[in-house]
């Protein structure tokens, strides 16, 4: 029997308009926006380690907090994650899922920036253990995209949304070295009894 295994990495171009991308970047760069060095999570503990991950991130990014960023990306995620589930209906066998409340808005600037280590989004703390899918928006035509260990490279393209499984099959990292400016927004879907039901947004 011949086996066929799809990549399960879905790319949705023009998910965000140019105007939406520009508005989101303006929101990040606003002097009223609090930003901090990006942190990693290991065994439930958060820490700054530039050898693992180096970027700047917007603070307090949550779907339960109605901001310009949240209001812009939520309907887009509802539409395209629903398309993803329609294409791969077996995902329903794991149970109902919703948007993880917290997401991450990141800025990479120079060659020392990036999530540099191979990693998955499914991990050994409760926050990561309940993740099912990963989603990521590229907000500009950056020169460096995302490398998947098994599935290849996804190029950064303004307005592009990428969705993939959170598990070990989809280990990934930033394309290295980072070349110039890159803005992304990324987050997860998880079991809905822990999070925000994306279908209600």
C-alpha atoms as a PDB file:
ATOM      1  CA  UNK A   1       0.000   0.000   0.000  1.00  0.00           C
ATOM      2  CA  UNK A   2       1.349   3.404  -0.967  1.00  0.00           C
ATOM      3  CA  UNK A   3       1.184   5.934   1.852  1.00  0.00           C
ATOM      4  CA  UNK A   4       0.562   9.628   1.255  1.00  0.00           C
ATOM      5  CA  UNK A   5       1.265  12.124   3.981  1.00  0.00           C
ATOM      6  CA  UNK A   6       0.330  15.788   3.411  1.00  0.00           C
ATOM      7  CA  UNK A   7       2.512  18.443   5.000  1.00  0.00           C
ATOM      8  CA  UNK A   8      -0.405  19.892   7.012  1.00  0.00           C
ATOM      9  CA  UNK A   9       1.269  23.298   6.559  1.00  0.00           C
ATOM     10  CA  UNK A  10      -1.381  25.530   4.997  1.00  0.00           C
ATOM     11  CA  UNK A  11      -0.550  28.925   3.507  1.00  0.00           C
ATOM     12  CA  UNK A  12      -3.211  31.594   3.053  1.00  0.00           C
ATOM     13  CA  UNK A  13      -1.914  34.534   1.054  1.00  0.00           C
ATOM     14  CA  UNK A  14      -3.613  37.955   1.315  1.00  0.00           C
ATOM     15  CA  UNK A  15      -5.286  36.875   4.552  1.00  0.00           C
ATOM     16  CA  UNK A  16      -4.555  40.399   5.788  1.00  0.00           C
ATOM     17  CA  UNK A  17      -4.678  43.370   3.441  1.00  0.00           C
ATOM     18  CA  UNK A  18      -1.700  45.679   2.994  1.00  0.00           C
ATOM     19  CA  UNK A  19      -3.606  48.348   4.905  1.00  0.00           C
ATOM     20  CA  UNK A  20      -4.251  45.995   7.812  1.00  0.00           C
ATOM     21  CA  UNK A  21      -0.590  44.956   7.930  1.00  0.00           C
ATOM     22  CA  UNK A  22       0.545  48.581   7.916  1.00  0.00           C
ATOM     23  CA  UNK A  23      -1.946  49.437  10.660  1.00  0.00           C
ATOM     24  CA  UNK A  24      -0.750  46.548  12.825  1.00  0.00           C
ATOM     25  CA  UNK A  25       2.891  47.599  12.410  1.00  0.00           C
ATOM     26  CA  UNK A  26       1.934  51.178  13.307  1.00  0.00           C
ATOM     27  CA  UNK A  27       0.252  49.847  16.448  1.00  0.00           C
ATOM     28  CA  UNK A  28       3.424  47.975  17.400  1.00  0.00           C
ATOM     29  CA  UNK A  29       5.615  51.013  16.809  1.00  0.00           C
ATOM     30  CA  UNK A  30       3.335  53.448  18.636  1.00  0.00           C
ATOM     31  CA  UNK A  31       5.122  55.159  21.556  1.00  0.00           C
ATOM     32  CA  UNK A  32       2.071  54.253  23.646  1.00  0.00           C
ATOM     33  CA  UNK A  33       2.690  50.532  23.123  1.00  0.00           C
ATOM     34  CA  UNK A  34       4.685  48.723  25.795  1.00  0.00           C
ATOM     35  CA  UNK A  35       7.325  46.379  24.419  1.00  0.00           C
ATOM     36  CA  UNK A  36       9.826  44.007  25.998  1.00  0.00           C
ATOM     37  CA  UNK A  37      12.499  41.494  25.079  1.00  0.00           C
ATOM     38  CA  UNK A  38      11.052  38.215  23.880  1.00  0.00           C
ATOM     39  CA  UNK A  39      10.892  35.373  26.369  1.00  0.00           C
ATOM     40  CA  UNK A  40      10.994  31.594  26.015  1.00  0.00           C
ATOM     41  CA  UNK A  41       9.149  28.983  28.089  1.00  0.00           C
ATOM     42  CA  UNK A  42      10.794  25.864  29.495  1.00  0.00           C
ATOM     43  CA  UNK A  43       9.054  23.570  31.994  1.00  0.00           C
ATOM     44  CA  UNK A  44       6.558  26.306  32.788  1.00  0.00           C
ATOM     45  CA  UNK A  45       9.188  28.978  33.466  1.00  0.00           C
ATOM     46  CA  UNK A  46       9.671  32.043  31.281  1.00  0.00           C
ATOM     47  CA  UNK A  47      13.098  33.533  30.720  1.00  0.00           C
ATOM     48  CA  UNK A  48      15.103  35.755  28.375  1.00  0.00           C
ATOM     49  CA  UNK A  49      17.838  33.875  26.543  1.00  0.00           C
ATOM     50  CA  UNK A  50      19.106  35.629  23.386  1.00  0.00           C
ATOM     51  CA  UNK A  51      20.975  32.510  22.278  1.00  0.00           C
ATOM     52  CA  UNK A  52      17.591  30.755  21.976  1.00  0.00           C
ATOM     53  CA  UNK A  53      15.286  33.614  21.009  1.00  0.00           C
ATOM     54  CA  UNK A  54      15.989  37.300  20.430  1.00  0.00           C
ATOM     55  CA  UNK A  55      13.349  39.838  19.439  1.00  0.00           C
ATOM     56  CA  UNK A  56      11.127  42.615  20.739  1.00  0.00           C
ATOM     57  CA  UNK A  57       7.509  41.843  21.573  1.00  0.00           C
ATOM     58  CA  UNK A  58       4.346  43.778  22.281  1.00  0.00           C
ATOM     59  CA  UNK A  59       3.175  43.355  25.878  1.00  0.00           C
ATOM     60  CA  UNK A  60      -0.289  42.222  27.000  1.00  0.00           C
ATOM     61  CA  UNK A  61      -1.500  40.618  23.763  1.00  0.00           C
ATOM     62  CA  UNK A  62      -4.655  38.669  24.578  1.00  0.00           C
ATOM     63  CA  UNK A  63      -7.851  37.884  22.692  1.00  0.00           C
ATOM     64  CA  UNK A  64      -9.824  38.589  25.864  1.00  0.00           C
ATOM     65  CA  UNK A  65      -8.545  42.194  25.738  1.00  0.00           C
ATOM     66  CA  UNK A  66     -10.252  44.105  22.879  1.00  0.00           C
ATOM     67  CA  UNK A  67      -7.494  46.087  21.176  1.00  0.00           C
ATOM     68  CA  UNK A  68      -6.936  47.216  17.596  1.00  0.00           C
ATOM     69  CA  UNK A  69      -4.630  44.246  17.036  1.00  0.00           C
ATOM     70  CA  UNK A  70      -7.049  41.698  18.502  1.00  0.00           C
ATOM     71  CA  UNK A  71     -10.028  43.136  16.634  1.00  0.00           C
ATOM     72  CA  UNK A  72      -8.105  43.086  13.342  1.00  0.00           C
ATOM     73  CA  UNK A  73      -6.765  39.541  13.423  1.00  0.00           C
ATOM     74  CA  UNK A  74      -9.661  37.683  15.113  1.00  0.00           C
ATOM     75  CA  UNK A  75     -12.133  37.528  12.182  1.00  0.00           C
ATOM     76  CA  UNK A  76      -9.306  36.580   9.826  1.00  0.00           C
ATOM     77  CA  UNK A  77      -8.300  33.696  12.083  1.00  0.00           C
ATOM     78  CA  UNK A  78     -11.905  32.529  12.432  1.00  0.00           C
ATOM     79  CA  UNK A  79     -12.273  32.356   8.657  1.00  0.00           C
ATOM     80  CA  UNK A  80      -9.024  30.593   7.861  1.00  0.00           C
ATOM     81  CA  UNK A  81      -8.816  28.204  10.803  1.00  0.00           C
ATOM     82  CA  UNK A  82     -12.322  27.108   9.877  1.00  0.00           C
ATOM     83  CA  UNK A  83     -11.015  26.448   6.351  1.00  0.00           C
ATOM     84  CA  UNK A  84      -8.149  24.447   7.817  1.00  0.00           C
ATOM     85  CA  UNK A  85     -10.537  22.306   9.870  1.00  0.00           C
ATOM     86  CA  UNK A  86     -12.747  21.761   6.815  1.00  0.00           C
ATOM     87  CA  UNK A  87      -9.735  20.493   4.872  1.00  0.00           C
ATOM     88  CA  UNK A  88      -8.548  18.226   7.697  1.00  0.00           C
ATOM     89  CA  UNK A  89     -11.791  17.132   9.430  1.00  0.00           C
ATOM     90  CA  UNK A  90      -9.966  14.434  11.409  1.00  0.00           C
ATOM     91  CA  UNK A  91      -8.694  17.216  13.646  1.00  0.00           C
ATOM     92  CA  UNK A  92     -12.126  17.106  15.249  1.00  0.00           C
ATOM     93  CA  UNK A  93     -11.260  13.755  16.805  1.00  0.00           C
ATOM     94  CA  UNK A  94      -9.032  15.471  19.369  1.00  0.00           C
ATOM     95  CA  UNK A  95     -11.948  17.514  20.713  1.00  0.00           C
ATOM     96  CA  UNK A  96     -13.231  21.071  20.343  1.00  0.00           C
ATOM     97  CA  UNK A  97     -10.598  23.762  20.159  1.00  0.00           C
ATOM     98  CA  UNK A  98     -10.454  27.500  20.589  1.00  0.00           C
ATOM     99  CA  UNK A  99      -7.941  30.294  20.290  1.00  0.00           C
ATOM    100  CA  UNK A 100      -5.375  30.312  23.082  1.00  0.00           C
ATOM    101  CA  UNK A 101      -6.006  33.615  24.808  1.00  0.00           C
ATOM    102  CA  UNK A 102      -2.397  34.803  24.678  1.00  0.00           C
ATOM    103  CA  UNK A 103      -0.603  35.486  21.399  1.00  0.00           C
ATOM    104  CA  UNK A 104       2.711  37.082  20.451  1.00  0.00           C
ATOM    105  CA  UNK A 105       3.469  40.148  18.301  1.00  0.00           C
ATOM    106  CA  UNK A 106       7.182  40.090  17.433  1.00  0.00           C
ATOM    107  CA  UNK A 107       9.731  42.318  15.707  1.00  0.00           C
ATOM    108  CA  UNK A 108      13.065  41.069  14.375  1.00  0.00           C
ATOM    109  CA  UNK A 109      15.628  43.687  13.401  1.00  0.00           C
ATOM    110  CA  UNK A 110      19.130  42.403  12.682  1.00  0.00           C
ATOM    111  CA  UNK A 111      21.151  39.243  12.016  1.00  0.00           C
ATOM    112  CA  UNK A 112      21.312  38.339  15.707  1.00  0.00           C
ATOM    113  CA  UNK A 113      17.503  38.207  15.995  1.00  0.00           C
ATOM    114  CA  UNK A 114      15.263  35.167  15.594  1.00  0.00           C
ATOM    115  CA  UNK A 115      13.981  32.046  17.298  1.00  0.00           C
ATOM    116  CA  UNK A 116      17.242  30.251  16.690  1.00  0.00           C
ATOM    117  CA  UNK A 117      16.722  26.746  18.058  1.00  0.00           C
ATOM    118  CA  UNK A 118      14.636  23.975  16.513  1.00  0.00           C
ATOM    119  CA  UNK A 119      11.434  23.720  18.547  1.00  0.00           C
ATOM    120  CA  UNK A 120       7.786  22.739  18.485  1.00  0.00           C
ATOM    121  CA  UNK A 121       4.826  24.540  20.034  1.00  0.00           C
ATOM    122  CA  UNK A 122       3.730  21.487  22.004  1.00  0.00           C
ATOM    123  CA  UNK A 123       5.696  21.157  25.232  1.00  0.00           C
ATOM    124  CA  UNK A 124       6.018  19.992  28.801  1.00  0.00           C
ATOM    125  CA  UNK A 125       4.003  22.670  30.590  1.00  0.00           C
ATOM    126  CA  UNK A 126       0.209  22.919  30.727  1.00  0.00           C
ATOM    127  CA  UNK A 127       0.118  26.020  28.516  1.00  0.00           C
ATOM    128  CA  UNK A 128       1.971  24.231  25.721  1.00  0.00           C
ATOM    129  CA  UNK A 129       0.637  20.716  26.337  1.00  0.00           C
ATOM    130  CA  UNK A 130      -2.918  21.676  25.339  1.00  0.00           C
ATOM    131  CA  UNK A 131      -1.962  23.334  22.033  1.00  0.00           C
ATOM    132  CA  UNK A 132      -3.309  21.819  18.819  1.00  0.00           C
ATOM    133  CA  UNK A 133      -2.508  24.206  15.955  1.00  0.00           C
ATOM    134  CA  UNK A 134      -0.094  27.083  15.420  1.00  0.00           C
ATOM    135  CA  UNK A 135      -0.898  30.176  13.355  1.00  0.00           C
ATOM    136  CA  UNK A 136       1.414  32.956  12.186  1.00  0.00           C
ATOM    137  CA  UNK A 137       0.950  36.156  10.184  1.00  0.00           C
ATOM    138  CA  UNK A 138       3.776  37.834   8.271  1.00  0.00           C
ATOM    139  CA  UNK A 139       3.191  41.597   8.242  1.00  0.00           C
ATOM    140  CA  UNK A 140       5.916  42.602   5.773  1.00  0.00           C
ATOM    141  CA  UNK A 141       7.885  41.178   2.862  1.00  0.00           C
ATOM    142  CA  UNK A 142      10.780  40.161   5.060  1.00  0.00           C
ATOM    143  CA  UNK A 143      13.864  38.546   3.543  1.00  0.00           C
ATOM    144  CA  UNK A 144      13.853  35.725   6.109  1.00  0.00           C
ATOM    145  CA  UNK A 145      10.938  33.365   6.643  1.00  0.00           C
ATOM    146  CA  UNK A 146      10.490  30.182   8.672  1.00  0.00           C
ATOM    147  CA  UNK A 147      12.297  26.858   8.294  1.00  0.00           C
ATOM    148  CA  UNK A 148      10.541  23.568   9.034  1.00  0.00           C
ATOM    149  CA  UNK A 149      12.788  20.613   9.821  1.00  0.00           C
ATOM    150  CA  UNK A 150      10.748  18.173   7.739  1.00  0.00           C
ATOM    151  CA  UNK A 151       8.503  20.315   5.529  1.00  0.00           C
ATOM    152  CA  UNK A 152      10.937  22.877   4.103  1.00  0.00           C
ATOM    153  CA  UNK A 153      10.924  26.667   4.104  1.00  0.00           C
ATOM    154  CA  UNK A 154       8.034  29.101   4.137  1.00  0.00           C
ATOM    155  CA  UNK A 155       8.877  32.531   2.773  1.00  0.00           C
ATOM    156  CA  UNK A 156       7.763  35.685   4.523  1.00  0.00           C
ATOM    157  CA  UNK A 157       5.153  37.566   2.523  1.00  0.00           C
ATOM    158  CA  UNK A 158       3.105  40.563   3.576  1.00  0.00           C
ATOM    159  CA  UNK A 159      -0.397  39.485   4.610  1.00  0.00           C
ATOM    160  CA  UNK A 160       0.412  35.751   4.571  1.00  0.00           C
ATOM    161  CA  UNK A 161      -1.095  33.473   7.223  1.00  0.00           C
ATOM    162  CA  UNK A 162       0.451  30.053   7.903  1.00  0.00           C
ATOM    163  CA  UNK A 163      -1.274  27.344   9.970  1.00  0.00           C
ATOM    164  CA  UNK A 164       0.285  24.035  11.053  1.00  0.00           C
ATOM    165  CA  UNK A 165       0.117  21.382  13.795  1.00  0.00           C
ATOM    166  CA  UNK A 166       1.757  22.113  17.140  1.00  0.00           C
ATOM    167  CA  UNK A 167       3.332  18.659  17.587  1.00  0.00           C
ATOM    168  CA  UNK A 168       6.761  17.126  17.141  1.00  0.00           C
ATOM    169  CA  UNK A 169       6.216  16.486  13.423  1.00  0.00           C
ATOM    170  CA  UNK A 170       6.461  20.216  12.746  1.00  0.00           C
ATOM    171  CA  UNK A 171       9.705  21.283  14.385  1.00  0.00           C
ATOM    172  CA  UNK A 172      10.740  24.703  13.091  1.00  0.00           C
ATOM    173  CA  UNK A 173      12.823  27.825  13.684  1.00  0.00           C
ATOM    174  CA  UNK A 174      13.452  31.254  12.177  1.00  0.00           C
ATOM    175  CA  UNK A 175      15.335  31.311   8.892  1.00  0.00           C
ATOM    176  CA  UNK A 176      18.888  32.218   9.905  1.00  0.00           C
ATOM    177  CA  UNK A 177      20.534  34.608   9.876  1.00  0.00           C
ATOM    178  CA  UNK A 178      17.703  37.088  10.052  1.00  0.00           C
ATOM    179  CA  UNK A 179      18.050  39.590   7.208  1.00  0.00           C
ATOM    180  CA  UNK A 180      16.547  42.936   8.027  1.00  0.00           C
ATOM    181  CA  UNK A 181      13.187  43.903   9.453  1.00  0.00           C
ATOM    182  CA  UNK A 182      10.503  41.265  10.083  1.00  0.00           C
ATOM    183  CA  UNK A 183       7.163  41.577  11.883  1.00  0.00           C
ATOM    184  CA  UNK A 184       5.057  38.550  12.779  1.00  0.00           C
ATOM    185  CA  UNK A 185       2.042  37.798  14.952  1.00  0.00           C
ATOM    186  CA  UNK A 186       1.763  34.217  16.120  1.00  0.00           C
ATOM    187  CA  UNK A 187      -0.333  32.114  18.472  1.00  0.00           C
ATOM    188  CA  UNK A 188      -2.159  28.836  18.920  1.00  0.00           C
ATOM    189  CA  UNK A 189      -5.421  26.964  19.103  1.00  0.00           C
ATOM    190  CA  UNK A 190      -5.909  24.735  22.114  1.00  0.00           C
ATOM    191  CA  UNK A 191      -8.638  22.646  23.709  1.00  0.00           C
ATOM    192  CA  UNK A 192     -11.597  25.021  23.896  1.00  0.00           C
ATOM    193  CA  UNK A 193     -12.499  24.349  27.526  1.00  0.00           C
ATOM    194  CA  UNK A 194      -9.247  26.155  28.412  1.00  0.00           C
ATOM    195  CA  UNK A 195      -9.469  28.997  25.900  1.00  0.00           C
ATOM    196  CA  UNK A 196     -11.569  31.281  23.693  1.00  0.00           C
ATOM    197  CA  UNK A 197     -13.911  29.536  21.250  1.00  0.00           C
ATOM    198  CA  UNK A 198     -12.796  31.020  17.929  1.00  0.00           C
ATOM    199  CA  UNK A 199     -16.206  30.295  16.373  1.00  0.00           C
ATOM    200  CA  UNK A 200     -17.859  32.753  18.758  1.00  0.00           C
ATOM    201  CA  UNK A 201     -15.712  35.662  17.652  1.00  0.00           C
END
